[in-house]
Amino acid sequence: MNQQFRDRVVLPFAIPVGALAFIGVLTFGMSRVLLNVSPLIATAVALMTAFNIVVAAFIIAARAKVDLAQLAAMTAVALLPLAIGGAVAAGVVKVTVSEEHKDAAPQAKVVAISAKDLKFDTSTLAIPSAVKFSLKFTNGDEDPHNVEILRAKGGEKLFSEKFFAGPKTVEWGVAPIEAGEYYFQCQVHPSMNGKVTAN
């Protein structure tokens, strides 16, 4: 391969394709790491990796010439936090999160309700206000049921999921509902109803 062909044909094609492949592999690898570690560690890994990449890019831009060994060393340093995060995700390195940080990200509250013999097990449903929560519904009937939360009887629906026949249990995520009193019912059997209190 002569120099002119390499400079005019091969390099203009190989450099962007290689850069795109590198960015794709880096993005995929980083996503696998960040999704498999705790939120606290994921944030630290992402910030440290971004900081190292910016510093490495600044050093490369400031120098008149950077040889291959220097480039490889700076790339290794820039990606070191990502490598450490990968080791944590793979279980090679153990990191314990303090109880203080565990309490800072509590699990979503689960509110349970069930139906049997065309009746809900309660006529009053207490839910947390202004936060997302899970509604765990057990249908003990062969008849289809669901749970709807309305602003008032016959009013605007704040939450509704597809009804299903039982016996079966499902868990739905419910978007935050402001504090107040509301109404719940089964869409198929509106006589199955009650009062919702969000507080």
N, C-alpha and C. Protein backbone atom coordinates (compact mmCIF):
# COMPACT_ATOMS: atom_id res chain seq x y z
N MET A 1 0.85 -1.19 0.00
CA MET A 1 0.00 0.00 0.00
C MET A 1 0.89 1.25 0.00
N ASN A 2 0.71 2.10 -1.01
CA ASN A 2 1.55 3.29 -1.06
C ASN A 2 1.03 4.38 -0.11
N GLN A 3 1.91 5.32 0.21
CA GLN A 3 1.63 6.36 1.21
C GLN A 3 0.45 7.24 0.79
N GLN A 4 0.40 7.57 -0.51
CA GLN A 4 -0.66 8.46 -0.98
C GLN A 4 -2.04 7.81 -0.85
N PHE A 5 -2.14 6.51 -1.21
CA PHE A 5 -3.41 5.79 -1.11
C PHE A 5 -3.85 5.69 0.36
N ARG A 6 -2.88 5.44 1.23
CA ARG A 6 -3.19 5.32 2.66
C ARG A 6 -3.70 6.65 3.23
N ASP A 7 -3.02 7.76 2.85
CA ASP A 7 -3.39 9.06 3.38
C ASP A 7 -4.71 9.59 2.82
N ARG A 8 -5.01 9.26 1.56
CA ARG A 8 -6.19 9.84 0.92
C ARG A 8 -7.43 8.94 0.97
N VAL A 9 -7.22 7.63 1.10
CA VAL A 9 -8.36 6.70 1.05
C VAL A 9 -8.56 5.97 2.37
N VAL A 10 -7.52 5.30 2.84
CA VAL A 10 -7.66 4.43 4.00
C VAL A 10 -7.91 5.23 5.28
N LEU A 11 -7.03 6.19 5.58
CA LEU A 11 -7.15 6.93 6.84
C LEU A 11 -8.45 7.73 6.96
N PRO A 12 -8.90 8.47 5.91
CA PRO A 12 -10.16 9.21 6.05
C PRO A 12 -11.36 8.31 6.33
N PHE A 13 -11.26 7.04 5.95
CA PHE A 13 -12.35 6.10 6.22
C PHE A 13 -12.13 5.39 7.56
N ALA A 14 -10.89 4.97 7.81
CA ALA A 14 -10.60 4.16 9.00
C ALA A 14 -10.71 4.96 10.30
N ILE A 15 -10.27 6.22 10.29
CA ILE A 15 -10.28 7.01 11.54
C ILE A 15 -11.70 7.24 12.06
N PRO A 16 -12.65 7.75 11.24
CA PRO A 16 -14.00 7.94 11.80
C PRO A 16 -14.69 6.63 12.17
N VAL A 17 -14.47 5.57 11.35
CA VAL A 17 -15.10 4.28 11.66
C VAL A 17 -14.52 3.72 12.96
N GLY A 18 -13.21 3.82 13.12
CA GLY A 18 -12.58 3.35 14.35
C GLY A 18 -13.03 4.14 15.56
N ALA A 19 -13.14 5.48 15.40
CA ALA A 19 -13.60 6.33 16.51
C ALA A 19 -15.03 5.99 16.89
N LEU A 20 -15.89 5.78 15.88
CA LEU A 20 -17.27 5.43 16.14
C LEU A 20 -17.37 4.09 16.85
N ALA A 21 -16.56 3.11 16.42
CA ALA A 21 -16.57 1.79 17.07
C ALA A 21 -16.10 1.91 18.52
N PHE A 22 -15.05 2.71 18.75
CA PHE A 22 -14.54 2.90 20.11
C PHE A 22 -15.59 3.55 21.00
N ILE A 23 -16.26 4.59 20.49
CA ILE A 23 -17.29 5.27 21.28
C ILE A 23 -18.45 4.32 21.58
N GLY A 24 -18.82 3.50 20.58
CA GLY A 24 -19.90 2.54 20.79
C GLY A 24 -19.56 1.51 21.86
N VAL A 25 -18.36 0.96 21.79
CA VAL A 25 -17.92 -0.03 22.79
C VAL A 25 -17.83 0.62 24.17
N LEU A 26 -17.28 1.84 24.24
CA LEU A 26 -17.16 2.55 25.51
C LEU A 26 -18.54 2.83 26.11
N THR A 27 -19.47 3.30 25.28
CA THR A 27 -20.83 3.61 25.76
C THR A 27 -21.53 2.35 26.27
N PHE A 28 -21.43 1.26 25.51
CA PHE A 28 -22.07 0.01 25.92
C PHE A 28 -21.44 -0.51 27.21
N GLY A 29 -20.11 -0.50 27.26
CA GLY A 29 -19.43 -0.98 28.47
C GLY A 29 -19.77 -0.15 29.68
N MET A 30 -19.84 1.17 29.51
CA MET A 30 -20.16 2.05 30.64
C MET A 30 -21.59 1.82 31.11
N SER A 31 -22.52 1.62 30.17
CA SER A 31 -23.91 1.38 30.56
C SER A 31 -24.03 0.08 31.35
N ARG A 32 -23.28 -0.97 30.93
CA ARG A 32 -23.33 -2.25 31.66
C ARG A 32 -22.80 -2.08 33.08
N VAL A 33 -21.77 -1.28 33.23
CA VAL A 33 -21.19 -1.05 34.56
C VAL A 33 -22.15 -0.26 35.43
N LEU A 34 -22.64 0.88 34.92
CA LEU A 34 -23.46 1.78 35.72
C LEU A 34 -24.79 1.17 36.11
N LEU A 35 -25.32 0.26 35.28
CA LEU A 35 -26.59 -0.39 35.61
C LEU A 35 -26.44 -1.52 36.61
N ASN A 36 -25.20 -1.93 36.90
CA ASN A 36 -24.99 -3.07 37.79
C ASN A 36 -24.30 -2.71 39.10
N VAL A 37 -24.24 -1.43 39.40
CA VAL A 37 -23.70 -0.99 40.69
C VAL A 37 -24.72 -0.07 41.35
N SER A 38 -24.51 0.24 42.62
CA SER A 38 -25.44 1.10 43.34
C SER A 38 -25.43 2.50 42.73
N PRO A 39 -26.52 3.27 42.91
CA PRO A 39 -26.57 4.63 42.35
C PRO A 39 -25.42 5.51 42.82
N LEU A 40 -24.99 5.35 44.07
CA LEU A 40 -23.90 6.17 44.60
C LEU A 40 -22.60 5.88 43.86
N ILE A 41 -22.29 4.60 43.66
CA ILE A 41 -21.06 4.20 42.96
C ILE A 41 -21.15 4.58 41.48
N ALA A 42 -22.34 4.40 40.88
CA ALA A 42 -22.53 4.75 39.46
C ALA A 42 -22.25 6.23 39.23
N THR A 43 -22.73 7.08 40.13
CA THR A 43 -22.50 8.52 40.00
C THR A 43 -21.01 8.85 40.11
N ALA A 44 -20.34 8.23 41.09
CA ALA A 44 -18.91 8.48 41.28
C ALA A 44 -18.10 8.03 40.07
N VAL A 45 -18.41 6.84 39.53
CA VAL A 45 -17.69 6.32 38.37
C VAL A 45 -17.90 7.22 37.16
N ALA A 46 -19.13 7.65 36.92
CA ALA A 46 -19.43 8.50 35.77
C ALA A 46 -18.71 9.85 35.86
N LEU A 47 -18.74 10.47 37.04
CA LEU A 47 -18.09 11.78 37.20
C LEU A 47 -16.58 11.67 37.07
N MET A 48 -15.99 10.66 37.70
CA MET A 48 -14.54 10.50 37.63
C MET A 48 -14.08 10.19 36.22
N THR A 49 -14.83 9.34 35.51
CA THR A 49 -14.47 9.01 34.13
C THR A 49 -14.55 10.25 33.24
N ALA A 50 -15.63 11.02 33.38
CA ALA A 50 -15.79 12.24 32.58
C ALA A 50 -14.67 13.24 32.88
N PHE A 51 -14.32 13.41 34.17
CA PHE A 51 -13.25 14.34 34.55
C PHE A 51 -11.92 13.90 33.95
N ASN A 52 -11.61 12.60 34.04
CA ASN A 52 -10.34 12.09 33.51
C ASN A 52 -10.26 12.26 31.99
N ILE A 53 -11.38 12.03 31.30
CA ILE A 53 -11.39 12.18 29.84
C ILE A 53 -11.14 13.64 29.46
N VAL A 54 -11.77 14.58 30.17
CA VAL A 54 -11.58 16.01 29.89
C VAL A 54 -10.13 16.42 30.12
N VAL A 55 -9.53 15.96 31.24
CA VAL A 55 -8.13 16.29 31.54
C VAL A 55 -7.21 15.71 30.47
N ALA A 56 -7.45 14.44 30.09
CA ALA A 56 -6.62 13.80 29.06
C ALA A 56 -6.74 14.55 27.73
N ALA A 57 -7.95 14.95 27.36
CA ALA A 57 -8.15 15.69 26.11
C ALA A 57 -7.44 17.04 26.16
N PHE A 58 -7.46 17.71 27.32
CA PHE A 58 -6.77 18.99 27.48
C PHE A 58 -5.26 18.83 27.30
N ILE A 59 -4.71 17.77 27.90
CA ILE A 59 -3.26 17.53 27.80
C ILE A 59 -2.86 17.25 26.35
N ILE A 60 -3.67 16.43 25.67
CA ILE A 60 -3.37 16.10 24.27
C ILE A 60 -3.43 17.35 23.39
N ALA A 61 -4.45 18.20 23.62
CA ALA A 61 -4.61 19.41 22.82
C ALA A 61 -3.50 20.43 23.09
N ALA A 62 -2.96 20.44 24.32
CA ALA A 62 -1.95 21.43 24.69
C ALA A 62 -0.56 21.06 24.18
N ARG A 63 -0.34 19.80 23.88
CA ARG A 63 0.99 19.38 23.42
C ARG A 63 1.09 19.47 21.90
N ALA A 64 2.27 19.77 21.44
CA ALA A 64 2.50 19.84 19.99
C ALA A 64 2.48 18.45 19.38
N LYS A 65 2.99 17.48 20.14
CA LYS A 65 3.05 16.12 19.62
C LYS A 65 2.87 15.14 20.78
N VAL A 66 2.04 14.13 20.56
CA VAL A 66 1.81 13.08 21.55
C VAL A 66 2.10 11.75 20.89
N ASP A 67 3.06 11.00 21.46
CA ASP A 67 3.37 9.71 20.84
C ASP A 67 2.38 8.65 21.31
N LEU A 68 2.46 7.48 20.71
CA LEU A 68 1.50 6.40 20.96
C LEU A 68 1.52 5.93 22.41
N ALA A 69 2.71 5.86 23.01
CA ALA A 69 2.83 5.40 24.40
C ALA A 69 2.14 6.38 25.35
N GLN A 70 2.34 7.68 25.13
CA GLN A 70 1.69 8.68 25.97
C GLN A 70 0.17 8.64 25.80
N LEU A 71 -0.27 8.48 24.56
CA LEU A 71 -1.70 8.39 24.29
C LEU A 71 -2.32 7.18 24.99
N ALA A 72 -1.63 6.04 24.93
CA ALA A 72 -2.13 4.83 25.59
C ALA A 72 -2.19 5.01 27.10
N ALA A 73 -1.16 5.67 27.67
CA ALA A 73 -1.13 5.90 29.13
C ALA A 73 -2.27 6.80 29.56
N MET A 74 -2.51 7.88 28.82
CA MET A 74 -3.59 8.79 29.18
C MET A 74 -4.96 8.14 29.01
N THR A 75 -5.12 7.30 27.99
CA THR A 75 -6.38 6.58 27.80
C THR A 75 -6.63 5.63 28.97
N ALA A 76 -5.58 4.95 29.42
CA ALA A 76 -5.71 4.02 30.54
C ALA A 76 -6.11 4.76 31.82
N VAL A 77 -5.47 5.90 32.07
CA VAL A 77 -5.80 6.70 33.26
C VAL A 77 -7.24 7.22 33.17
N ALA A 78 -7.63 7.68 31.98
CA ALA A 78 -8.98 8.23 31.80
C ALA A 78 -10.05 7.18 32.07
N LEU A 79 -9.76 5.94 31.67
CA LEU A 79 -10.75 4.88 31.81
C LEU A 79 -10.59 4.07 33.08
N LEU A 80 -9.65 4.43 33.95
CA LEU A 80 -9.42 3.69 35.18
C LEU A 80 -10.67 3.61 36.07
N PRO A 81 -11.41 4.73 36.29
CA PRO A 81 -12.62 4.61 37.12
C PRO A 81 -13.64 3.63 36.55
N LEU A 82 -13.72 3.59 35.20
CA LEU A 82 -14.64 2.65 34.56
C LEU A 82 -14.21 1.21 34.82
N ALA A 83 -12.90 0.97 34.78
CA ALA A 83 -12.38 -0.38 35.07
C ALA A 83 -12.67 -0.77 36.51
N ILE A 84 -12.51 0.17 37.44
CA ILE A 84 -12.81 -0.11 38.85
C ILE A 84 -14.30 -0.40 39.02
N GLY A 85 -15.15 0.40 38.35
CA GLY A 85 -16.59 0.17 38.41
C GLY A 85 -16.96 -1.19 37.85
N GLY A 86 -16.27 -1.60 36.76
CA GLY A 86 -16.51 -2.94 36.19
C GLY A 86 -16.14 -4.03 37.17
N ALA A 87 -15.05 -3.84 37.90
CA ALA A 87 -14.64 -4.83 38.91
C ALA A 87 -15.67 -4.93 40.03
N VAL A 88 -16.24 -3.77 40.42
CA VAL A 88 -17.28 -3.78 41.45
C VAL A 88 -18.52 -4.49 40.94
N ALA A 89 -18.92 -4.19 39.69
CA ALA A 89 -20.11 -4.81 39.10
C ALA A 89 -19.94 -6.32 38.97
N ALA A 90 -18.72 -6.77 38.68
CA ALA A 90 -18.46 -8.20 38.51
C ALA A 90 -18.28 -8.92 39.84
N GLY A 91 -18.20 -8.15 40.92
CA GLY A 91 -18.04 -8.76 42.23
C GLY A 91 -16.60 -9.03 42.61
N VAL A 92 -15.65 -8.61 41.77
CA VAL A 92 -14.23 -8.81 42.07
C VAL A 92 -13.82 -7.92 43.24
N VAL A 93 -14.36 -6.70 43.26
CA VAL A 93 -14.11 -5.75 44.35
C VAL A 93 -15.41 -5.54 45.11
N LYS A 94 -15.36 -5.68 46.43
CA LYS A 94 -16.54 -5.50 47.26
C LYS A 94 -16.58 -4.08 47.81
N VAL A 95 -17.73 -3.42 47.65
CA VAL A 95 -17.92 -2.09 48.21
C VAL A 95 -19.19 -2.11 49.04
N THR A 96 -19.09 -1.69 50.28
CA THR A 96 -20.26 -1.66 51.15
C THR A 96 -20.77 -0.23 51.25
N VAL A 97 -22.08 -0.09 51.12
CA VAL A 97 -22.72 1.22 51.22
C VAL A 97 -23.20 1.39 52.64
N SER A 98 -22.87 2.52 53.25
CA SER A 98 -23.23 2.76 54.65
C SER A 98 -24.74 2.79 54.81
N GLU A 99 -25.19 2.52 56.04
CA GLU A 99 -26.62 2.54 56.34
C GLU A 99 -27.22 3.91 56.05
N GLU A 100 -26.43 4.97 56.24
CA GLU A 100 -26.91 6.32 56.00
C GLU A 100 -27.33 6.49 54.55
N HIS A 101 -26.51 5.97 53.62
CA HIS A 101 -26.83 6.09 52.19
C HIS A 101 -27.94 5.14 51.78
N LYS A 102 -28.04 3.99 52.46
CA LYS A 102 -29.14 3.08 52.16
C LYS A 102 -30.47 3.74 52.50
N ASP A 103 -30.50 4.46 53.64
CA ASP A 103 -31.73 5.12 54.05
C ASP A 103 -32.08 6.28 53.13
N ALA A 104 -31.06 6.83 52.44
CA ALA A 104 -31.30 7.99 51.58
C ALA A 104 -32.11 7.62 50.34
N ALA A 105 -32.14 6.33 49.98
CA ALA A 105 -32.90 5.90 48.80
C ALA A 105 -33.84 4.76 49.19
N PRO A 106 -34.93 5.06 49.92
CA PRO A 106 -35.83 4.01 50.39
C PRO A 106 -36.58 3.36 49.23
N GLN A 107 -37.00 2.13 49.47
CA GLN A 107 -37.77 1.41 48.47
C GLN A 107 -39.17 2.02 48.39
N ALA A 108 -39.79 1.94 47.22
CA ALA A 108 -41.14 2.46 47.04
C ALA A 108 -42.11 1.67 47.91
N LYS A 109 -43.04 2.36 48.53
CA LYS A 109 -44.01 1.72 49.40
C LYS A 109 -44.95 0.86 48.57
N VAL A 110 -45.34 -0.29 49.14
CA VAL A 110 -46.28 -1.19 48.48
C VAL A 110 -47.60 -1.16 49.24
N VAL A 111 -48.68 -0.85 48.54
CA VAL A 111 -50.03 -0.85 49.11
C VAL A 111 -50.76 -2.06 48.56
N ALA A 112 -51.30 -2.90 49.44
CA ALA A 112 -51.93 -4.15 49.01
C ALA A 112 -53.45 -4.05 49.14
N ILE A 113 -54.14 -4.65 48.18
CA ILE A 113 -55.60 -4.75 48.20
C ILE A 113 -55.97 -6.03 47.45
N SER A 114 -57.07 -6.66 47.87
CA SER A 114 -57.48 -7.89 47.19
C SER A 114 -58.99 -7.90 46.98
N ALA A 115 -59.44 -8.76 46.08
CA ALA A 115 -60.86 -8.89 45.77
C ALA A 115 -61.25 -10.37 45.84
N LYS A 116 -62.42 -10.64 46.44
CA LYS A 116 -62.93 -12.00 46.54
C LYS A 116 -64.44 -11.93 46.66
N ASP A 117 -65.14 -12.80 45.91
CA ASP A 117 -66.60 -12.84 45.94
C ASP A 117 -67.21 -11.47 45.59
N LEU A 118 -66.63 -10.83 44.56
CA LEU A 118 -67.10 -9.55 44.05
C LEU A 118 -67.07 -8.45 45.11
N LYS A 119 -66.07 -8.53 46.02
CA LYS A 119 -65.89 -7.49 47.04
C LYS A 119 -64.40 -7.25 47.24
N PHE A 120 -64.05 -5.98 47.48
CA PHE A 120 -62.69 -5.68 47.91
C PHE A 120 -62.57 -6.03 49.39
N ASP A 121 -61.36 -6.28 49.83
CA ASP A 121 -61.16 -6.64 51.24
C ASP A 121 -61.17 -5.41 52.15
N THR A 122 -61.29 -4.23 51.56
CA THR A 122 -61.35 -3.01 52.35
C THR A 122 -62.18 -1.96 51.63
N SER A 123 -62.79 -1.08 52.42
CA SER A 123 -63.54 0.03 51.82
C SER A 123 -62.77 1.34 51.94
N THR A 124 -61.62 1.27 52.61
CA THR A 124 -60.75 2.45 52.73
C THR A 124 -59.33 2.07 52.36
N LEU A 125 -58.75 2.84 51.49
CA LEU A 125 -57.40 2.56 51.00
C LEU A 125 -56.49 3.72 51.34
N ALA A 126 -55.45 3.46 52.12
CA ALA A 126 -54.49 4.51 52.50
C ALA A 126 -53.27 4.41 51.60
N ILE A 127 -52.91 5.52 50.95
CA ILE A 127 -51.76 5.55 50.06
C ILE A 127 -50.85 6.70 50.45
N PRO A 128 -49.55 6.62 50.12
CA PRO A 128 -48.66 7.75 50.40
C PRO A 128 -48.93 8.88 49.41
N SER A 129 -48.75 10.10 49.87
CA SER A 129 -49.01 11.24 48.98
C SER A 129 -47.72 11.75 48.36
N ALA A 130 -47.86 12.24 47.14
CA ALA A 130 -46.79 12.95 46.42
C ALA A 130 -45.54 12.11 46.14
N VAL A 131 -45.64 10.79 46.22
CA VAL A 131 -44.51 9.92 45.87
C VAL A 131 -45.05 8.74 45.06
N LYS A 132 -44.18 8.20 44.23
CA LYS A 132 -44.56 7.01 43.48
C LYS A 132 -44.64 5.82 44.42
N PHE A 133 -45.62 4.95 44.24
CA PHE A 133 -45.74 3.76 45.07
C PHE A 133 -46.23 2.60 44.22
N SER A 134 -46.24 1.40 44.81
CA SER A 134 -46.70 0.21 44.10
C SER A 134 -48.04 -0.23 44.68
N LEU A 135 -48.96 -0.59 43.80
CA LEU A 135 -50.25 -1.11 44.22
C LEU A 135 -50.28 -2.60 43.88
N LYS A 136 -50.29 -3.43 44.93
CA LYS A 136 -50.30 -4.88 44.75
C LYS A 136 -51.74 -5.37 44.86
N PHE A 137 -52.27 -5.87 43.75
CA PHE A 137 -53.67 -6.28 43.70
C PHE A 137 -53.79 -7.78 43.48
N THR A 138 -54.54 -8.44 44.36
CA THR A 138 -54.81 -9.87 44.24
C THR A 138 -56.27 -10.07 43.89
N ASN A 139 -56.51 -10.65 42.74
CA ASN A 139 -57.88 -10.98 42.32
C ASN A 139 -58.11 -12.46 42.63
N GLY A 140 -58.96 -12.71 43.62
CA GLY A 140 -59.26 -14.09 44.00
C GLY A 140 -60.46 -14.66 43.29
N ASP A 141 -61.07 -13.90 42.39
CA ASP A 141 -62.25 -14.35 41.64
C ASP A 141 -61.87 -14.76 40.22
N GLU A 142 -62.73 -15.58 39.62
CA GLU A 142 -62.57 -15.88 38.20
C GLU A 142 -63.08 -14.71 37.36
N ASP A 143 -63.90 -13.86 37.96
CA ASP A 143 -64.39 -12.66 37.28
C ASP A 143 -63.24 -11.66 37.11
N PRO A 144 -63.25 -10.89 36.04
CA PRO A 144 -62.19 -9.88 35.86
C PRO A 144 -62.41 -8.68 36.78
N HIS A 145 -61.31 -8.21 37.37
CA HIS A 145 -61.34 -7.02 38.22
C HIS A 145 -60.11 -6.17 37.93
N ASN A 146 -60.17 -4.94 38.34
CA ASN A 146 -58.99 -4.08 38.40
C ASN A 146 -59.22 -3.06 39.52
N VAL A 147 -58.31 -2.14 39.67
CA VAL A 147 -58.46 -1.07 40.66
C VAL A 147 -58.24 0.25 39.94
N GLU A 148 -59.21 1.14 40.06
CA GLU A 148 -59.09 2.49 39.51
C GLU A 148 -59.14 3.49 40.66
N ILE A 149 -58.32 4.53 40.57
CA ILE A 149 -58.39 5.62 41.53
C ILE A 149 -58.90 6.86 40.78
N LEU A 150 -60.00 7.42 41.27
CA LEU A 150 -60.63 8.57 40.63
C LEU A 150 -60.61 9.76 41.57
N ARG A 151 -60.68 10.93 41.00
CA ARG A 151 -60.72 12.14 41.83
C ARG A 151 -61.98 12.15 42.69
N ALA A 152 -63.08 11.67 42.13
CA ALA A 152 -64.35 11.51 42.84
C ALA A 152 -65.17 10.48 42.07
N LYS A 153 -66.25 10.01 42.64
CA LYS A 153 -67.09 9.04 41.95
C LYS A 153 -67.54 9.62 40.61
N GLY A 154 -67.23 8.90 39.53
CA GLY A 154 -67.58 9.36 38.19
C GLY A 154 -66.67 10.46 37.67
N GLY A 155 -65.63 10.79 38.43
CA GLY A 155 -64.75 11.88 38.06
C GLY A 155 -63.51 11.45 37.28
N GLU A 156 -62.53 12.33 37.25
CA GLU A 156 -61.29 12.10 36.50
C GLU A 156 -60.52 10.90 37.06
N LYS A 157 -60.01 10.07 36.14
CA LYS A 157 -59.22 8.91 36.56
C LYS A 157 -57.78 9.35 36.82
N LEU A 158 -57.31 9.06 38.01
CA LEU A 158 -55.92 9.34 38.35
C LEU A 158 -55.04 8.12 38.14
N PHE A 159 -55.66 6.94 38.21
CA PHE A 159 -54.92 5.69 37.99
C PHE A 159 -55.90 4.63 37.51
N SER A 160 -55.48 3.86 36.50
CA SER A 160 -56.29 2.75 36.02
C SER A 160 -55.41 1.79 35.24
N GLU A 161 -55.58 0.51 35.49
CA GLU A 161 -54.86 -0.52 34.75
C GLU A 161 -55.85 -1.51 34.17
N LYS A 162 -55.39 -2.31 33.23
CA LYS A 162 -56.25 -3.28 32.56
C LYS A 162 -56.75 -4.33 33.55
N PHE A 163 -58.04 -4.62 33.50
CA PHE A 163 -58.61 -5.64 34.40
C PHE A 163 -58.19 -7.04 33.95
N PHE A 164 -58.23 -7.99 34.87
CA PHE A 164 -57.83 -9.37 34.57
C PHE A 164 -58.59 -10.33 35.46
N ALA A 165 -58.71 -11.56 34.97
CA ALA A 165 -59.38 -12.62 35.73
C ALA A 165 -58.40 -13.30 36.66
N GLY A 166 -58.91 -13.82 37.77
CA GLY A 166 -58.05 -14.49 38.75
C GLY A 166 -58.24 -16.00 38.72
N PRO A 167 -57.68 -16.65 39.71
CA PRO A 167 -56.85 -16.09 40.78
C PRO A 167 -55.47 -15.65 40.24
N LYS A 168 -55.09 -14.41 40.58
CA LYS A 168 -53.83 -13.86 40.09
C LYS A 168 -53.49 -12.60 40.89
N THR A 169 -52.19 -12.36 41.04
CA THR A 169 -51.73 -11.15 41.73
C THR A 169 -50.82 -10.38 40.80
N VAL A 170 -51.02 -9.08 40.73
CA VAL A 170 -50.14 -8.21 39.94
C VAL A 170 -49.71 -7.03 40.81
N GLU A 171 -48.64 -6.37 40.38
CA GLU A 171 -48.17 -5.18 41.10
C GLU A 171 -47.98 -4.07 40.09
N TRP A 172 -48.66 -2.96 40.32
CA TRP A 172 -48.61 -1.84 39.40
C TRP A 172 -47.87 -0.67 40.03
N GLY A 173 -47.13 0.08 39.22
CA GLY A 173 -46.53 1.32 39.68
C GLY A 173 -47.53 2.46 39.52
N VAL A 174 -47.69 3.25 40.57
CA VAL A 174 -48.65 4.35 40.56
C VAL A 174 -47.90 5.68 40.66
N ALA A 175 -48.20 6.59 39.76
CA ALA A 175 -47.57 7.91 39.77
C ALA A 175 -48.01 8.68 41.02
N PRO A 176 -47.19 9.63 41.47
CA PRO A 176 -47.53 10.37 42.69
C PRO A 176 -48.92 11.02 42.62
N ILE A 177 -49.64 10.92 43.73
CA ILE A 177 -50.96 11.53 43.87
C ILE A 177 -50.90 12.48 45.06
N GLU A 178 -51.35 13.69 44.86
CA GLU A 178 -51.27 14.70 45.93
C GLU A 178 -52.16 14.31 47.11
N ALA A 179 -51.82 14.84 48.28
CA ALA A 179 -52.58 14.55 49.49
C ALA A 179 -54.05 14.95 49.31
N GLY A 180 -54.94 14.13 49.86
CA GLY A 180 -56.37 14.42 49.75
C GLY A 180 -57.18 13.14 49.81
N GLU A 181 -58.47 13.27 49.60
CA GLU A 181 -59.37 12.12 49.60
C GLU A 181 -59.88 11.87 48.19
N TYR A 182 -59.89 10.60 47.81
CA TYR A 182 -60.27 10.20 46.46
C TYR A 182 -61.20 9.00 46.53
N TYR A 183 -61.45 8.41 45.38
CA TYR A 183 -62.42 7.31 45.26
C TYR A 183 -61.78 6.18 44.48
N PHE A 184 -62.00 4.93 44.90
CA PHE A 184 -61.50 3.82 44.10
C PHE A 184 -62.64 2.85 43.79
N GLN A 185 -62.47 2.14 42.68
CA GLN A 185 -63.49 1.19 42.25
C GLN A 185 -62.90 0.17 41.30
N CYS A 186 -63.69 -0.88 41.06
CA CYS A 186 -63.38 -1.83 39.99
C CYS A 186 -64.08 -1.33 38.74
N GLN A 187 -63.35 -1.24 37.66
CA GLN A 187 -63.93 -0.73 36.41
C GLN A 187 -65.07 -1.62 35.92
N VAL A 188 -64.94 -2.94 36.10
CA VAL A 188 -65.94 -3.88 35.60
C VAL A 188 -67.15 -3.93 36.52
N HIS A 189 -66.91 -3.81 37.83
CA HIS A 189 -67.98 -3.89 38.83
C HIS A 189 -67.93 -2.63 39.70
N PRO A 190 -68.50 -1.53 39.26
CA PRO A 190 -68.42 -0.26 40.00
C PRO A 190 -69.00 -0.32 41.42
N SER A 191 -69.83 -1.36 41.69
CA SER A 191 -70.35 -1.52 43.06
C SER A 191 -69.24 -1.89 44.03
N MET A 192 -68.11 -2.37 43.50
CA MET A 192 -66.92 -2.61 44.32
C MET A 192 -66.16 -1.29 44.39
N ASN A 193 -66.23 -0.61 45.51
CA ASN A 193 -65.64 0.72 45.59
C ASN A 193 -65.28 1.08 47.03
N GLY A 194 -64.69 2.24 47.19
CA GLY A 194 -64.34 2.71 48.51
C GLY A 194 -63.65 4.07 48.45
N LYS A 195 -63.14 4.47 49.59
CA LYS A 195 -62.51 5.79 49.71
C LYS A 195 -61.00 5.64 49.77
N VAL A 196 -60.28 6.52 49.10
CA VAL A 196 -58.83 6.56 49.11
C VAL A 196 -58.38 7.79 49.89
N THR A 197 -57.44 7.59 50.80
CA THR A 197 -56.85 8.71 51.54
C THR A 197 -55.38 8.75 51.25
N ALA A 198 -54.90 9.84 50.67
CA ALA A 198 -53.47 10.04 50.39
C ALA A 198 -52.90 11.00 51.42
N ASN A 199 -51.95 10.54 52.21
CA ASN A 199 -51.32 11.42 53.18
C ASN A 199 -49.89 11.01 53.47
